Amino acid sequence: MTERERFICALKRGPVEGLVPHFELVFFLTMEVFGRVHPEHRNYFQWNQMQARERALHIKDMAELYVMTAEKYGHSAIFVHPNPRDIDSTRMLLEKIRELSGDKYFIMMHGDPTFEIPTGETMVDFSARMYEEPEALKREAAARVEERRAFAGKFAGTDLLDGFALCSDYCFNTNPFFGPGIFSELIAPYLKEIIDDYRAMGFYTIKHTDGNIMPILDQIVECGPDALHSLDPQGGVTIPEVRKVTRGRVALAGNVSCGLLQTGTEEECIADVKRSLREGMAEPGYIFCTSNCVYTGLPLERYELMLRVWRECGVYPAEE
């Protein structure tokens, strides 16, 4: 099986042989490892002035970096951050990644139209609108779904894209920003709609949100994503408790504490990785990754320690 096939098998909650499939939403430490700036951190304000030859070189450089990262760290999937984000540039980047890697990796992009926790600058105004202008927000939510549906439609029926990661964050470490009542009105209907639309186009979906998801977990699961990420231990989320709610209806991804990887001792990190693998591998449908991503500032040696434990302890026993 290719890494892509193993990843899809995990999304379908089927049996996987060998290592538990692994990926990260983002691996930002590309400068430290490869001497190249991550595509998300590049400024292409002169893109429209570039000749086609120069654009092609930029696209090739980004595509190579995604594939190099996946190959070096044993990722089964590549999360692509198009930059620039227009349709033509995105298609060029996806085409180049497929050209370099064939069908080895599961390819996904961000594709979440639902509202997320607002920024500090807009939080007060948005909070007021949730209670004073709910119908206006619902119209905005519907328009955002339509925009993402139209974008995805450009890639439906091609071999360029396998799915979408839905990366709107809903929760703080203590509780959701959107309480269950508000979530049921302003988020859940539109989350379900876009997931249904993506599935009808042949795409898989991974719903990401950090923090304490437990008060709204049942609603997220009812929306029908193929997998749930990131199972944030800093938000008090545990795999056993999540499985009591999900009851095998979605695959699970994540749960290795980024907080411990950042500031814990080496022994604490090893113990946490082993715990995550032990709990995740107890049932089919588990994808190994951090509880967020490999972000700027996370020590590279800690991520590589995490992977050493994964290679030692994250192997499914061979079926007899």
Protein backbone atom coordinates (compact mmCIF):
# COMPACT_ATOMS: atom_id res chain seq x y z
CA MET A 1 0.00 0.00 0.00
CA THR A 2 1.16 3.55 -0.71
CA GLU A 3 1.20 6.09 2.10
CA ARG A 4 -1.88 7.63 0.51
CA GLU A 5 -3.71 4.29 0.59
CA ARG A 6 -2.71 3.71 4.21
CA PHE A 7 -3.94 7.17 5.16
CA ILE A 8 -7.30 6.63 3.44
CA CYS A 9 -7.60 3.24 5.12
CA ALA A 10 -7.16 4.95 8.49
CA LEU A 11 -9.74 7.60 7.55
CA LYS A 12 -12.16 4.77 6.78
CA ARG A 13 -11.30 3.21 10.16
CA GLY A 14 -10.00 0.05 8.54
CA PRO A 15 -7.04 -2.10 9.58
CA VAL A 16 -3.57 -0.77 8.74
CA GLU A 17 -0.40 -2.84 8.79
CA GLY A 18 2.99 -1.57 9.90
CA LEU A 19 3.49 1.93 11.22
CA VAL A 20 0.53 4.05 12.24
CA PRO A 21 -0.02 6.64 9.47
CA HIS A 22 1.50 10.01 10.36
CA PHE A 23 1.23 13.58 9.12
CA GLU A 24 1.29 17.16 10.42
CA LEU A 25 -1.00 20.01 9.47
CA VAL A 26 2.13 22.12 9.06
CA PHE A 27 5.85 21.51 9.39
CA PHE A 28 7.20 25.03 9.71
CA LEU A 29 10.84 24.16 10.55
CA THR A 30 11.89 23.89 6.91
CA MET A 31 14.61 26.53 7.20
CA GLU A 32 16.32 24.61 9.99
CA VAL A 33 16.08 21.28 8.16
CA PHE A 34 16.37 22.17 4.47
CA GLY A 35 17.57 25.79 4.42
CA ARG A 36 14.33 26.90 2.74
CA VAL A 37 11.57 29.20 3.95
CA HIS A 38 8.21 27.47 4.38
CA PRO A 39 5.77 28.42 1.57
CA GLU A 40 3.32 29.94 4.07
CA HIS A 41 6.01 32.40 5.21
CA ARG A 42 6.94 33.66 1.76
CA ASN A 43 5.89 37.09 0.51
CA TYR A 44 4.81 37.06 -3.13
CA PHE A 45 3.79 40.70 -3.49
CA GLN A 46 5.63 40.80 -6.85
CA TRP A 47 3.98 37.62 -8.15
CA ASN A 48 1.97 39.47 -10.79
CA GLN A 49 5.17 41.04 -12.14
CA MET A 50 7.00 37.73 -12.51
CA GLN A 51 7.50 36.11 -15.87
CA ALA A 52 6.00 32.65 -16.33
CA ARG A 53 9.46 31.09 -16.07
CA GLU A 54 10.11 32.69 -12.66
CA ARG A 55 6.69 31.67 -11.36
CA ALA A 56 7.33 28.10 -12.44
CA LEU A 57 10.62 28.08 -10.51
CA HIS A 58 8.88 29.30 -7.35
CA ILE A 59 6.17 26.67 -7.72
CA LYS A 60 8.78 23.94 -8.27
CA ASP A 61 10.73 25.04 -5.18
CA MET A 62 7.62 24.91 -2.97
CA ALA A 63 6.49 21.56 -4.35
CA GLU A 64 9.93 20.06 -3.76
CA LEU A 65 9.89 21.29 -0.18
CA TYR A 66 6.53 19.66 0.56
CA VAL A 67 7.66 16.35 -0.89
CA MET A 68 11.07 16.48 0.82
CA THR A 69 9.39 17.04 4.18
CA ALA A 70 7.00 14.13 3.68
CA GLU A 71 9.82 11.83 2.60
CA LYS A 72 12.19 12.77 5.42
CA TYR A 73 9.64 12.43 8.22
CA GLY A 74 7.52 9.56 6.99
CA HIS A 75 4.34 11.54 6.43
CA SER A 76 1.45 9.79 4.75
CA ALA A 77 -0.23 13.06 3.75
CA ILE A 78 0.80 16.52 2.59
CA PHE A 79 -1.16 19.56 3.72
CA VAL A 80 -0.61 22.16 1.00
CA HIS A 81 -0.65 25.88 1.81
CA PRO A 82 -0.98 27.55 -1.61
CA ASN A 83 0.88 30.83 -1.85
CA PRO A 84 -0.39 32.73 -3.81
CA ARG A 85 -3.90 31.37 -3.25
CA ASP A 86 -5.56 32.00 -6.61
CA ILE A 87 -6.92 29.05 -8.56
CA ASP A 88 -4.27 29.02 -11.29
CA SER A 89 -1.30 29.16 -8.91
CA THR A 90 -2.87 26.56 -6.65
CA ARG A 91 -3.42 24.22 -9.57
CA MET A 92 0.19 24.67 -10.70
CA LEU A 93 1.45 23.81 -7.22
CA LEU A 94 -0.75 20.71 -6.88
CA GLU A 95 0.23 19.54 -10.35
CA LYS A 96 3.92 19.89 -9.53
CA ILE A 97 3.55 18.00 -6.23
CA ARG A 98 1.78 15.15 -8.04
CA GLU A 99 4.43 15.20 -10.76
CA LEU A 100 7.18 14.82 -8.15
CA SER A 101 5.45 12.29 -5.90
CA GLY A 102 2.89 10.49 -8.04
CA ASP A 103 0.08 9.05 -5.97
CA LYS A 104 2.32 8.25 -2.99
CA TYR A 105 0.82 10.86 -0.65
CA PHE A 106 -2.66 11.96 0.36
CA ILE A 107 -2.91 15.62 -0.71
CA MET A 108 -5.13 18.08 1.15
CA MET A 109 -5.69 21.81 1.60
CA HIS A 110 -7.54 24.06 4.01
CA GLY A 111 -11.22 24.28 3.15
CA ASP A 112 -13.27 25.41 6.17
CA PRO A 113 -15.85 28.16 5.53
CA THR A 114 -17.31 28.11 9.05
CA PHE A 115 -16.79 30.90 11.54
CA GLU A 116 -13.86 30.54 13.92
CA ILE A 117 -12.88 32.25 17.15
CA PRO A 118 -12.57 35.92 16.18
CA THR A 119 -9.40 37.87 16.72
CA GLY A 120 -8.97 40.07 19.75
CA GLU A 121 -9.73 43.12 17.61
CA THR A 122 -13.06 41.77 16.38
CA MET A 123 -14.17 39.55 19.25
CA VAL A 124 -16.43 42.07 21.00
CA ASP A 125 -18.22 43.09 17.80
CA PHE A 126 -18.63 39.50 16.62
CA SER A 127 -19.92 38.41 20.01
CA ALA A 128 -22.54 41.15 19.92
CA ARG A 129 -23.57 40.20 16.39
CA MET A 130 -24.16 36.57 17.42
CA TYR A 131 -27.04 37.80 19.59
CA GLU A 132 -28.12 40.95 17.78
CA GLU A 133 -27.72 39.94 14.11
CA PRO A 134 -27.95 36.13 13.93
CA GLU A 135 -29.79 36.14 10.59
CA ALA A 136 -27.15 38.33 8.99
CA LEU A 137 -24.44 35.98 10.24
CA LYS A 138 -26.33 33.02 8.82
CA ARG A 139 -26.40 34.70 5.41
CA GLU A 140 -22.67 35.29 5.66
CA ALA A 141 -22.12 31.67 6.67
CA ALA A 142 -24.12 30.43 3.68
CA ALA A 143 -22.13 32.68 1.33
CA ARG A 144 -18.87 31.37 2.73
CA VAL A 145 -20.01 27.79 2.10
CA GLU A 146 -20.89 28.65 -1.48
CA GLU A 147 -17.46 30.22 -2.01
CA ARG A 148 -15.63 27.15 -0.74
CA ARG A 149 -17.93 24.83 -2.71
CA ALA A 150 -17.12 26.69 -5.92
CA PHE A 151 -13.38 26.56 -5.18
CA ALA A 152 -13.45 22.82 -4.49
CA GLY A 153 -15.44 22.25 -7.65
CA LYS A 154 -12.43 23.38 -9.67
CA PHE A 155 -10.56 20.27 -8.48
CA ALA A 156 -13.37 17.74 -8.37
CA GLY A 157 -12.80 14.84 -10.72
CA THR A 158 -9.04 15.42 -10.90
CA ASP A 159 -6.28 13.46 -9.19
CA LEU A 160 -4.72 16.62 -7.75
CA LEU A 161 -6.51 16.72 -4.40
CA ASP A 162 -7.76 14.03 -2.04
CA GLY A 163 -9.42 16.09 0.64
CA PHE A 164 -9.72 19.13 2.84
CA ALA A 165 -8.67 19.93 6.38
CA LEU A 166 -11.32 22.10 8.00
CA CYS A 167 -9.22 24.36 10.21
CA SER A 168 -11.58 26.83 11.84
CA ASP A 169 -10.91 26.77 15.58
CA TYR A 170 -13.96 26.84 17.86
CA CYS A 171 -12.56 26.33 21.36
CA PHE A 172 -10.34 27.74 24.06
CA ASN A 173 -8.56 25.40 26.49
CA THR A 174 -11.39 25.80 28.98
CA ASN A 175 -14.54 25.81 26.85
CA PRO A 176 -15.80 26.47 23.32
CA PHE A 177 -16.11 30.07 22.21
CA PHE A 178 -19.34 28.98 20.53
CA GLY A 179 -21.54 27.39 23.20
CA PRO A 180 -23.67 24.38 22.19
CA GLY A 181 -26.74 26.52 21.43
CA ILE A 182 -24.91 29.05 19.26
CA PHE A 183 -22.89 26.27 17.64
CA SER A 184 -26.07 24.47 16.60
CA GLU A 185 -27.30 27.61 14.81
CA LEU A 186 -24.23 29.36 13.40
CA ILE A 187 -21.74 26.56 12.84
CA ALA A 188 -23.14 23.03 12.66
CA PRO A 189 -25.56 23.44 9.70
CA TYR A 190 -22.85 24.99 7.53
CA LEU A 191 -20.16 22.56 8.65
CA LYS A 192 -22.42 19.65 7.73
CA GLU A 193 -23.32 21.24 4.41
CA ILE A 194 -19.72 21.71 3.29
CA ILE A 195 -18.72 18.23 4.47
CA ASP A 196 -21.63 16.74 2.51
CA ASP A 197 -20.65 18.81 -0.54
CA TYR A 198 -17.03 17.72 -0.35
CA ARG A 199 -18.03 14.09 0.03
CA ALA A 200 -20.31 14.33 -3.01
CA MET A 201 -17.30 15.63 -4.98
CA GLY A 202 -15.20 12.68 -3.84
CA PHE A 203 -13.15 14.46 -1.17
CA TYR A 204 -12.37 13.34 2.37
CA THR A 205 -12.55 15.77 5.30
CA ILE A 206 -10.55 16.17 8.50
CA LYS A 207 -12.09 18.56 11.01
CA HIS A 208 -9.49 20.41 13.08
CA THR A 209 -10.14 22.45 16.19
CA ASP A 210 -7.96 22.88 19.27
CA GLY A 211 -9.02 23.28 22.88
CA ASN A 212 -11.84 21.75 24.89
CA ILE A 213 -14.18 20.37 22.23
CA MET A 214 -16.13 18.10 24.57
CA PRO A 215 -19.25 20.30 25.00
CA ILE A 216 -19.76 20.42 21.20
CA LEU A 217 -18.12 17.13 20.19
CA ASP A 218 -21.41 15.35 19.57
CA GLN A 219 -22.50 18.07 17.15
CA ILE A 220 -19.18 17.98 15.28
CA VAL A 221 -19.44 14.22 14.88
CA GLU A 222 -23.02 14.51 13.60
CA CYS A 223 -21.72 16.73 10.79
CA GLY A 224 -19.92 13.66 9.42
CA PRO A 225 -16.20 14.43 8.99
CA ASP A 226 -13.98 11.48 8.19
CA ALA A 227 -11.56 12.38 10.98
CA LEU A 228 -11.21 14.65 13.97
CA HIS A 229 -7.99 16.57 14.74
CA SER A 230 -6.28 17.61 17.13
CA LEU A 231 -7.63 16.02 20.35
CA ASP A 232 -5.88 18.69 22.38
CA PRO A 233 -4.62 17.43 25.76
CA GLN A 234 -4.05 21.04 26.84
CA GLY A 235 -7.82 21.41 26.52
CA GLY A 236 -8.38 18.33 28.66
CA VAL A 237 -9.27 16.13 25.68
CA THR A 238 -8.40 12.44 25.90
CA ILE A 239 -8.76 9.72 23.30
CA PRO A 240 -10.76 7.35 25.55
CA GLU A 241 -13.29 10.06 26.41
CA VAL A 242 -13.61 11.13 22.78
CA ARG A 243 -14.26 7.55 21.72
CA LYS A 244 -17.11 7.29 24.20
CA VAL A 245 -18.84 10.04 22.20
CA THR A 246 -17.72 9.17 18.67
CA ARG A 247 -18.38 5.42 19.01
CA GLY A 248 -16.24 4.56 15.99
CA ARG A 249 -17.95 7.03 13.65
CA VAL A 250 -14.85 9.10 12.87
CA ALA A 251 -11.12 8.50 12.72
CA LEU A 252 -8.99 10.30 15.29
CA ALA A 253 -5.78 12.25 14.66
CA GLY A 254 -3.37 13.89 17.07
CA ASN A 255 -3.20 14.06 20.87
CA VAL A 256 0.60 14.25 21.34
CA SER A 257 0.96 17.27 23.63
CA CYS A 258 2.67 20.20 21.91
CA GLY A 259 3.02 21.80 25.34
CA LEU A 260 5.19 18.94 26.57
CA LEU A 261 7.17 18.86 23.32
CA GLN A 262 7.86 22.56 23.84
CA THR A 263 8.64 22.71 27.56
CA GLY A 264 8.52 19.21 29.11
CA THR A 265 11.42 16.98 29.96
CA GLU A 266 12.59 14.36 27.50
CA GLU A 267 11.15 11.66 29.75
CA GLU A 268 7.75 13.41 29.85
CA CYS A 269 7.73 13.71 26.06
CA ILE A 270 8.53 10.04 25.54
CA ALA A 271 5.85 8.99 28.02
CA ASP A 272 3.25 11.21 26.35
CA VAL A 273 4.03 9.91 22.86
CA LYS A 274 3.78 6.33 24.10
CA ARG A 275 0.47 7.11 25.81
CA SER A 276 -0.96 8.66 22.65
CA LEU A 277 0.10 5.68 20.56
CA ARG A 278 -1.22 3.17 23.07
CA GLU A 279 -4.61 4.86 23.36
CA GLY A 280 -4.88 5.67 19.65
CA MET A 281 -3.93 2.22 18.42
CA ALA A 282 -6.45 0.53 20.74
CA GLU A 283 -9.07 0.85 17.98
CA PRO A 284 -8.92 1.21 14.18
CA GLY A 285 -8.91 4.66 12.67
CA TYR A 286 -5.98 6.42 14.29
CA ILE A 287 -3.54 8.88 12.67
CA PHE A 288 -0.44 9.86 14.64
CA CYS A 289 0.44 13.54 14.95
CA THR A 290 0.90 16.40 17.38
CA SER A 291 -2.00 18.18 19.05
CA ASN A 292 -1.47 21.16 16.73
CA CYS A 293 1.41 21.27 14.27
CA VAL A 294 5.20 21.56 14.13
CA TYR A 295 5.16 25.30 14.61
CA THR A 296 7.91 27.89 14.54
CA GLY A 297 9.71 27.72 17.88
CA LEU A 298 9.03 24.04 18.56
CA PRO A 299 12.44 22.40 19.08
CA LEU A 300 13.26 20.25 16.07
CA GLU A 301 14.98 17.70 18.27
CA ARG A 302 11.73 17.16 20.18
CA TYR A 303 9.79 16.44 17.01
CA GLU A 304 12.49 14.03 15.90
CA LEU A 305 12.39 12.39 19.35
CA MET A 306 8.63 11.99 18.92
CA LEU A 307 9.21 10.24 15.61
CA ARG A 308 11.82 7.90 17.04
CA VAL A 309 9.28 6.73 19.61
CA TRP A 310 6.67 6.39 16.84
CA ARG A 311 8.96 4.16 14.79
CA GLU A 312 9.69 1.99 17.82
CA CYS A 313 6.22 1.80 19.39
CA GLY A 314 3.77 2.73 16.65
CA VAL A 315 3.79 -0.52 14.71
CA TYR A 316 0.62 -2.58 14.40
CA PRO A 317 1.21 -6.30 14.94
CA ALA A 318 1.05 -8.36 11.77
CA GLU A 319 -2.18 -10.27 11.29
CA GLU A 320 -1.79 -14.01 11.57
